[in-house]
PDB file of N, CA and C in Angstrom:
ATOM      1  N   UNK A   1      -9.082 -38.673  71.503  1.00  0.00           N
ATOM      2  CA  UNK A   1      -9.616 -37.972  72.641  1.00  0.00           C
ATOM      3  C   UNK A   1     -10.211 -36.644  72.186  1.00  0.00           C
ATOM      4  N   UNK A   2     -11.447 -36.415  72.514  1.00  0.00           N
ATOM      5  CA  UNK A   2     -12.135 -35.188  72.110  1.00  0.00           C
ATOM      6  C   UNK A   2     -12.297 -34.260  73.307  1.00  0.00           C
ATOM      7  N   UNK A   3     -12.198 -32.979  73.012  1.00  0.00           N
ATOM      8  CA  UNK A   3     -12.425 -31.974  74.044  1.00  0.00           C
ATOM      9  C   UNK A   3     -13.927 -31.776  74.233  1.00  0.00           C
ATOM     10  N   UNK A   4     -14.365 -31.493  75.434  1.00  0.00           N
ATOM     11  CA  UNK A   4     -15.798 -31.283  75.641  1.00  0.00           C
ATOM     12  C   UNK A   4     -16.244 -30.005  74.949  1.00  0.00           C
ATOM     13  N   UNK A   5     -17.432 -30.028  74.402  1.00  0.00           N
ATOM     14  CA  UNK A   5     -17.979 -28.861  73.703  1.00  0.00           C
ATOM     15  C   UNK A   5     -18.608 -27.913  74.716  1.00  0.00           C
ATOM     16  N   UNK A   6     -18.450 -26.636  74.434  1.00  0.00           N
ATOM     17  CA  UNK A   6     -19.052 -25.634  75.294  1.00  0.00           C
ATOM     18  C   UNK A   6     -20.516 -25.456  74.929  1.00  0.00           C
ATOM     19  N   UNK A   7     -21.339 -25.255  75.924  1.00  0.00           N
ATOM     20  CA  UNK A   7     -22.765 -25.033  75.673  1.00  0.00           C
ATOM     21  C   UNK A   7     -22.966 -23.609  75.181  1.00  0.00           C
ATOM     22  N   UNK A   8     -23.820 -23.463  74.217  1.00  0.00           N
ATOM     23  CA  UNK A   8     -24.065 -22.130  73.663  1.00  0.00           C
ATOM     24  C   UNK A   8     -25.077 -21.340  74.483  1.00  0.00           C
ATOM     25  N   UNK A   9     -25.824 -21.967  75.317  1.00  0.00           N
ATOM     26  CA  UNK A   9     -26.870 -21.287  76.069  1.00  0.00           C
ATOM     27  C   UNK A   9     -26.412 -20.810  77.431  1.00  0.00           C
ATOM     28  N   UNK A  10     -25.178 -20.327  77.561  1.00  0.00           N
ATOM     29  CA  UNK A  10     -24.665 -19.873  78.857  1.00  0.00           C
ATOM     30  C   UNK A  10     -24.721 -18.347  78.929  1.00  0.00           C
ATOM     31  N   UNK A  11     -25.896 -17.776  78.735  1.00  0.00           N
ATOM     32  CA  UNK A  11     -26.059 -16.319  78.762  1.00  0.00           C
ATOM     33  C   UNK A  11     -25.821 -15.739  80.141  1.00  0.00           C
ATOM     34  N   UNK A  12     -26.200 -16.456  81.185  1.00  0.00           N
ATOM     35  CA  UNK A  12     -26.010 -15.964  82.546  1.00  0.00           C
ATOM     36  C   UNK A  12     -24.547 -15.835  82.906  1.00  0.00           C
ATOM     37  N   UNK A  13     -23.740 -16.801  82.506  1.00  0.00           N
ATOM     38  CA  UNK A  13     -22.305 -16.753  82.781  1.00  0.00           C
ATOM     39  C   UNK A  13     -21.647 -15.615  82.006  1.00  0.00           C
ATOM     40  N   UNK A  14     -22.120 -15.377  80.793  1.00  0.00           N
ATOM     41  CA  UNK A  14     -21.557 -14.302  79.976  1.00  0.00           C
ATOM     42  C   UNK A  14     -21.876 -12.936  80.584  1.00  0.00           C
ATOM     43  N   UNK A  15     -23.114 -12.778  81.096  1.00  0.00           N
ATOM     44  CA  UNK A  15     -23.489 -11.507  81.729  1.00  0.00           C
ATOM     45  C   UNK A  15     -22.691 -11.299  83.010  1.00  0.00           C
ATOM     46  N   UNK A  16     -22.460 -12.380  83.744  1.00  0.00           N
ATOM     47  CA  UNK A  16     -21.688 -12.295  84.977  1.00  0.00           C
ATOM     48  C   UNK A  16     -20.251 -11.878  84.679  1.00  0.00           C
ATOM     49  N   UNK A  17     -19.670 -12.449  83.635  1.00  0.00           N
ATOM     50  CA  UNK A  17     -18.310 -12.093  83.241  1.00  0.00           C
ATOM     51  C   UNK A  17     -18.238 -10.636  82.808  1.00  0.00           C
ATOM     52  N   UNK A  18     -19.223 -10.181  82.033  1.00  0.00           N
ATOM     53  CA  UNK A  18     -19.270  -8.790  81.593  1.00  0.00           C
ATOM     54  C   UNK A  18     -19.344  -7.835  82.788  1.00  0.00           C
ATOM     55  N   UNK A  19     -20.178  -8.186  83.754  1.00  0.00           N
ATOM     56  CA  UNK A  19     -20.314  -7.365  84.951  1.00  0.00           C
ATOM     57  C   UNK A  19     -19.017  -7.343  85.748  1.00  0.00           C
ATOM     58  N   UNK A  20     -18.375  -8.481  85.875  1.00  0.00           N
ATOM     59  CA  UNK A  20     -17.120  -8.570  86.618  1.00  0.00           C
ATOM     60  C   UNK A  20     -16.025  -7.734  85.963  1.00  0.00           C
ATOM     61  N   UNK A  21     -15.921  -7.793  84.641  1.00  0.00           N
ATOM     62  CA  UNK A  21     -14.920  -7.011  83.914  1.00  0.00           C
ATOM     63  C   UNK A  21     -15.221  -5.518  84.047  1.00  0.00           C
ATOM     64  N   UNK A  22     -16.491  -5.137  83.948  1.00  0.00           N
ATOM     65  CA  UNK A  22     -16.878  -3.734  84.065  1.00  0.00           C
ATOM     66  C   UNK A  22     -16.541  -3.187  85.450  1.00  0.00           C
ATOM     67  N   UNK A  23     -16.848  -3.958  86.474  1.00  0.00           N
ATOM     68  CA  UNK A  23     -16.547  -3.520  87.841  1.00  0.00           C
ATOM     69  C   UNK A  23     -15.036  -3.408  88.048  1.00  0.00           C
ATOM     70  N   UNK A  24     -14.268  -4.359  87.536  1.00  0.00           N
ATOM     71  CA  UNK A  24     -12.808  -4.322  87.685  1.00  0.00           C
ATOM     72  C   UNK A  24     -12.232  -3.093  86.980  1.00  0.00           C
ATOM     73  N   UNK A  25     -12.719  -2.787  85.772  1.00  0.00           N
ATOM     74  CA  UNK A  25     -12.228  -1.606  85.056  1.00  0.00           C
ATOM     75  C   UNK A  25     -12.607  -0.320  85.773  1.00  0.00           C
ATOM     76  N   UNK A  26     -13.804  -0.262  86.326  1.00  0.00           N
ATOM     77  CA  UNK A  26     -14.232   0.932  87.058  1.00  0.00           C
ATOM     78  C   UNK A  26     -13.358   1.151  88.292  1.00  0.00           C
ATOM     79  N   UNK A  27     -13.043   0.075  89.012  1.00  0.00           N
ATOM     80  CA  UNK A  27     -12.185   0.190  90.191  1.00  0.00           C
ATOM     81  C   UNK A  27     -10.791   0.651  89.799  1.00  0.00           C
ATOM     82  N   UNK A  28     -10.269   0.127  88.695  1.00  0.00           N
ATOM     83  CA  UNK A  28      -8.939   0.532  88.239  1.00  0.00           C
ATOM     84  C   UNK A  28      -8.912   1.995  87.818  1.00  0.00           C
ATOM     85  N   UNK A  29      -9.964   2.460  87.147  1.00  0.00           N
ATOM     86  CA  UNK A  29     -10.026   3.868  86.762  1.00  0.00           C
ATOM     87  C   UNK A  29     -10.088   4.771  87.989  1.00  0.00           C
ATOM     88  N   UNK A  30     -10.866   4.366  88.990  1.00  0.00           N
ATOM     89  CA  UNK A  30     -10.917   5.138  90.232  1.00  0.00           C
ATOM     90  C   UNK A  30      -9.553   5.164  90.925  1.00  0.00           C
ATOM     91  N   UNK A  31      -8.849   4.054  90.907  1.00  0.00           N
ATOM     92  CA  UNK A  31      -7.524   3.995  91.527  1.00  0.00           C
ATOM     93  C   UNK A  31      -6.537   4.896  90.776  1.00  0.00           C
ATOM     94  N   UNK A  32      -6.575   4.886  89.450  1.00  0.00           N
ATOM     95  CA  UNK A  32      -5.699   5.764  88.664  1.00  0.00           C
ATOM     96  C   UNK A  32      -6.005   7.232  88.932  1.00  0.00           C
ATOM     97  N   UNK A  33      -7.295   7.571  89.026  1.00  0.00           N
ATOM     98  CA  UNK A  33      -7.669   8.950  89.317  1.00  0.00           C
ATOM     99  C   UNK A  33      -7.172   9.354  90.706  1.00  0.00           C
ATOM    100  N   UNK A  34      -7.295   8.465  91.676  1.00  0.00           N
ATOM    101  CA  UNK A  34      -6.838   8.764  93.034  1.00  0.00           C
ATOM    102  C   UNK A  34      -5.329   8.997  93.060  1.00  0.00           C
ATOM    103  N   UNK A  35      -4.568   8.171  92.348  1.00  0.00           N
ATOM    104  CA  UNK A  35      -3.107   8.348  92.288  1.00  0.00           C
ATOM    105  C   UNK A  35      -2.771   9.688  91.654  1.00  0.00           C
ATOM    106  N   UNK A  36      -3.442  10.020  90.546  1.00  0.00           N
ATOM    107  CA  UNK A  36      -3.188  11.306  89.890  1.00  0.00           C
ATOM    108  C   UNK A  36      -3.535  12.464  90.825  1.00  0.00           C
ATOM    109  N   UNK A  37      -4.690  12.383  91.476  1.00  0.00           N
ATOM    110  CA  UNK A  37      -5.143  13.483  92.322  1.00  0.00           C
ATOM    111  C   UNK A  37      -4.198  13.716  93.497  1.00  0.00           C
ATOM    112  N   UNK A  38      -3.796  12.654  94.171  1.00  0.00           N
ATOM    113  CA  UNK A  38      -2.986  12.820  95.370  1.00  0.00           C
ATOM    114  C   UNK A  38      -1.513  13.104  95.078  1.00  0.00           C
ATOM    115  N   UNK A  39      -0.998  12.666  93.926  1.00  0.00           N
ATOM    116  CA  UNK A  39       0.430  12.822  93.670  1.00  0.00           C
ATOM    117  C   UNK A  39       0.780  13.827  92.576  1.00  0.00           C
ATOM    118  N   UNK A  40      -0.110  14.062  91.613  1.00  0.00           N
ATOM    119  CA  UNK A  40       0.283  14.868  90.463  1.00  0.00           C
ATOM    120  C   UNK A  40      -0.580  16.094  90.197  1.00  0.00           C
ATOM    121  N   UNK A  41      -1.720  16.262  90.830  1.00  0.00           N
ATOM    122  CA  UNK A  41      -2.606  17.363  90.478  1.00  0.00           C
ATOM    123  C   UNK A  41      -2.175  18.691  91.088  1.00  0.00           C
ATOM    124  N   UNK A  42      -1.505  18.675  92.232  1.00  0.00           N
ATOM    125  CA  UNK A  42      -1.091  19.901  92.895  1.00  0.00           C
ATOM    126  C   UNK A  42       0.421  19.864  93.128  1.00  0.00           C
ATOM    127  N   UNK A  43       1.083  21.016  92.984  1.00  0.00           N
ATOM    128  CA  UNK A  43       2.524  21.015  93.281  1.00  0.00           C
ATOM    129  C   UNK A  43       2.760  20.759  94.765  1.00  0.00           C
ATOM    130  N   UNK A  44       3.863  20.136  95.084  1.00  0.00           N
ATOM    131  CA  UNK A  44       4.176  19.804  96.467  1.00  0.00           C
ATOM    132  C   UNK A  44       4.386  21.071  97.291  1.00  0.00           C
ATOM    133  N   UNK A  45       5.058  22.039  96.710  1.00  0.00           N
ATOM    134  CA  UNK A  45       5.303  23.313  97.383  1.00  0.00           C
ATOM    135  C   UNK A  45       4.707  24.397  96.484  1.00  0.00           C
ATOM    136  N   UNK A  46       3.787  25.168  97.019  1.00  0.00           N
ATOM    137  CA  UNK A  46       3.096  26.154  96.182  1.00  0.00           C
ATOM    138  C   UNK A  46       4.037  27.232  95.656  1.00  0.00           C
ATOM    139  N   UNK A  47       5.120  27.489  96.334  1.00  0.00           N
ATOM    140  CA  UNK A  47       6.053  28.503  95.847  1.00  0.00           C
ATOM    141  C   UNK A  47       6.884  28.005  94.670  1.00  0.00           C
ATOM    142  N   UNK A  48       6.737  26.708  94.334  1.00  0.00           N
ATOM    143  CA  UNK A  48       7.490  26.160  93.202  1.00  0.00           C
ATOM    144  C   UNK A  48       7.076  26.811  91.889  1.00  0.00           C
ATOM    145  N   UNK A  49       5.810  27.200  91.782  1.00  0.00           N
ATOM    146  CA  UNK A  49       5.312  27.740  90.525  1.00  0.00           C
ATOM    147  C   UNK A  49       5.271  29.254  90.504  1.00  0.00           C
ATOM    148  N   UNK A  50       5.612  29.917  91.600  1.00  0.00           N
ATOM    149  CA  UNK A  50       5.602  31.384  91.630  1.00  0.00           C
ATOM    150  C   UNK A  50       6.707  31.927  90.741  1.00  0.00           C
ATOM    151  N   UNK A  51       6.355  32.861  89.883  1.00  0.00           N
ATOM    152  CA  UNK A  51       7.336  33.522  89.039  1.00  0.00           C
ATOM    153  C   UNK A  51       7.803  32.709  87.851  1.00  0.00           C
ATOM    154  N   UNK A  52       7.147  31.589  87.569  1.00  0.00           N
ATOM    155  CA  UNK A  52       7.546  30.794  86.401  1.00  0.00           C
ATOM    156  C   UNK A  52       6.851  31.326  85.159  1.00  0.00           C
ATOM    157  N   UNK A  53       7.643  31.635  84.170  1.00  0.00           N
ATOM    158  CA  UNK A  53       7.113  32.085  82.893  1.00  0.00           C
ATOM    159  C   UNK A  53       6.931  30.853  82.005  1.00  0.00           C
ATOM    160  N   UNK A  54       5.706  30.552  81.574  1.00  0.00           N
ATOM    161  CA  UNK A  54       5.477  29.339  80.772  1.00  0.00           C
ATOM    162  C   UNK A  54       6.310  29.282  79.491  1.00  0.00           C
ATOM    163  N   UNK A  55       6.533  30.431  78.856  1.00  0.00           N
ATOM    164  CA  UNK A  55       7.339  30.439  77.629  1.00  0.00           C
ATOM    165  C   UNK A  55       8.795  30.075  77.921  1.00  0.00           C
ATOM    166  N   UNK A  56       9.308  30.562  79.040  1.00  0.00           N
ATOM    167  CA  UNK A  56      10.692  30.249  79.415  1.00  0.00           C
ATOM    168  C   UNK A  56      10.855  28.768  79.764  1.00  0.00           C
ATOM    169  N   UNK A  57       9.867  28.227  80.444  1.00  0.00           N
ATOM    170  CA  UNK A  57       9.903  26.799  80.792  1.00  0.00           C
ATOM    171  C   UNK A  57       9.851  25.952  79.525  1.00  0.00           C
ATOM    172  N   UNK A  58       8.951  26.315  78.602  1.00  0.00           N
ATOM    173  CA  UNK A  58       8.842  25.569  77.349  1.00  0.00           C
ATOM    174  C   UNK A  58      10.139  25.642  76.548  1.00  0.00           C
ATOM    175  N   UNK A  59      10.763  26.816  76.506  1.00  0.00           N
ATOM    176  CA  UNK A  59      12.027  26.954  75.772  1.00  0.00           C
ATOM    177  C   UNK A  59      13.111  26.098  76.401  1.00  0.00           C
ATOM    178  N   UNK A  60      13.135  26.015  77.723  1.00  0.00           N
ATOM    179  CA  UNK A  60      14.153  25.209  78.402  1.00  0.00           C
ATOM    180  C   UNK A  60      13.931  23.721  78.147  1.00  0.00           C
ATOM    181  N   UNK A  61      12.680  23.306  78.055  1.00  0.00           N
ATOM    182  CA  UNK A  61      12.392  21.887  77.809  1.00  0.00           C
ATOM    183  C   UNK A  61      12.680  21.479  76.369  1.00  0.00           C
ATOM    184  N   UNK A  62      12.456  22.396  75.452  1.00  0.00           N
ATOM    185  CA  UNK A  62      12.610  22.074  74.028  1.00  0.00           C
ATOM    186  C   UNK A  62      14.047  22.277  73.550  1.00  0.00           C
ATOM    187  N   UNK A  63      14.807  23.125  74.218  1.00  0.00           N
ATOM    188  CA  UNK A  63      16.173  23.459  73.786  1.00  0.00           C
ATOM    189  C   UNK A  63      17.060  22.217  73.774  1.00  0.00           C
ATOM    190  N   UNK A  64      18.003  22.225  72.849  1.00  0.00           N
ATOM    191  CA  UNK A  64      18.953  21.120  72.763  1.00  0.00           C
ATOM    192  C   UNK A  64      19.980  21.251  73.880  1.00  0.00           C
ATOM    193  N   UNK A  65      20.411  20.135  74.433  1.00  0.00           N
ATOM    194  CA  UNK A  65      21.430  20.214  75.487  1.00  0.00           C
ATOM    195  C   UNK A  65      22.747  20.704  74.899  1.00  0.00           C
ATOM    196  N   UNK A  66      23.560  21.368  75.706  1.00  0.00           N
ATOM    197  CA  UNK A  66      24.852  21.848  75.191  1.00  0.00           C
ATOM    198  C   UNK A  66      25.728  20.669  74.780  1.00  0.00           C
ATOM    199  N   UNK A  67      26.492  20.895  73.721  1.00  0.00           N
ATOM    200  CA  UNK A  67      27.369  19.822  73.248  1.00  0.00           C
ATOM    201  C   UNK A  67      28.612  19.764  74.114  1.00  0.00           C
ATOM    202  N   UNK A  68      29.060  18.556  74.377  1.00  0.00           N
ATOM    203  CA  UNK A  68      30.256  18.371  75.191  1.00  0.00           C
ATOM    204  C   UNK A  68      31.460  18.196  74.279  1.00  0.00           C
ATOM    205  N   UNK A  69      32.554  18.783  74.693  1.00  0.00           N
ATOM    206  CA  UNK A  69      33.798  18.630  73.947  1.00  0.00           C
ATOM    207  C   UNK A  69      34.549  17.461  74.568  1.00  0.00           C
ATOM    208  N   UNK A  70      34.836  16.483  73.761  1.00  0.00           N
ATOM    209  CA  UNK A  70      35.554  15.313  74.267  1.00  0.00           C
ATOM    210  C   UNK A  70      37.032  15.639  74.413  1.00  0.00           C
ATOM    211  N   UNK A  71      37.479  15.559  75.648  1.00  0.00           N
ATOM    212  CA  UNK A  71      38.903  15.778  75.909  1.00  0.00           C
ATOM    213  C   UNK A  71      39.582  14.419  75.950  1.00  0.00           C
ATOM    214  N   UNK A  72      40.800  14.342  75.444  1.00  0.00           N
ATOM    215  CA  UNK A  72      41.493  13.043  75.481  1.00  0.00           C
ATOM    216  C   UNK A  72      41.729  12.597  76.917  1.00  0.00           C
ATOM    217  N   UNK A  73      41.446  11.366  77.158  1.00  0.00           N
ATOM    218  CA  UNK A  73      41.649  10.813  78.492  1.00  0.00           C
ATOM    219  C   UNK A  73      43.119  10.396  78.677  1.00  0.00           C
ATOM    220  N   UNK A  74      43.578  10.545  79.888  1.00  0.00           N
ATOM    221  CA  UNK A  74      44.935  10.103  80.165  1.00  0.00           C
ATOM    222  C   UNK A  74      44.954   8.589  80.227  1.00  0.00           C
ATOM    223  N   UNK A  75      46.018   8.044  79.734  1.00  0.00           N
ATOM    224  CA  UNK A  75      46.130   6.584  79.786  1.00  0.00           C
ATOM    225  C   UNK A  75      46.486   6.173  81.192  1.00  0.00           C
ATOM    226  N   UNK A  76      45.682   5.308  81.746  1.00  0.00           N
ATOM    227  CA  UNK A  76      45.959   4.852  83.112  1.00  0.00           C
ATOM    228  C   UNK A  76      46.826   3.603  83.106  1.00  0.00           C
ATOM    229  N   UNK A  77      46.893   2.908  81.975  1.00  0.00           N
ATOM    230  CA  UNK A  77      47.715   1.694  81.900  1.00  0.00           C
ATOM    231  C   UNK A  77      48.890   1.974  80.979  1.00  0.00           C
ATOM    232  N   UNK A  78      50.064   1.881  81.516  1.00  0.00           N
ATOM    233  CA  UNK A  78      51.250   2.110  80.684  1.00  0.00           C
ATOM    234  C   UNK A  78      52.094   0.883  80.651  1.00  0.00           C
TER     235      UNK A  78
END
């Protein structure tokens, strides 16, 4: 049993596929931009950023978390 061979002269179908992929990617990029603009471009409360020192924020983000001292747990099963 042989598989049917594809015709090499299908330039119209190839252009249609290219156009369809381009339009789909453009719509997705617009959707991503809309999500970013409406949810992430502006702070929810404008007073959230008042008085924030960028160096202090960066130091807090980069700093290592404090180490926890492991205390022995009490045995619950005796």
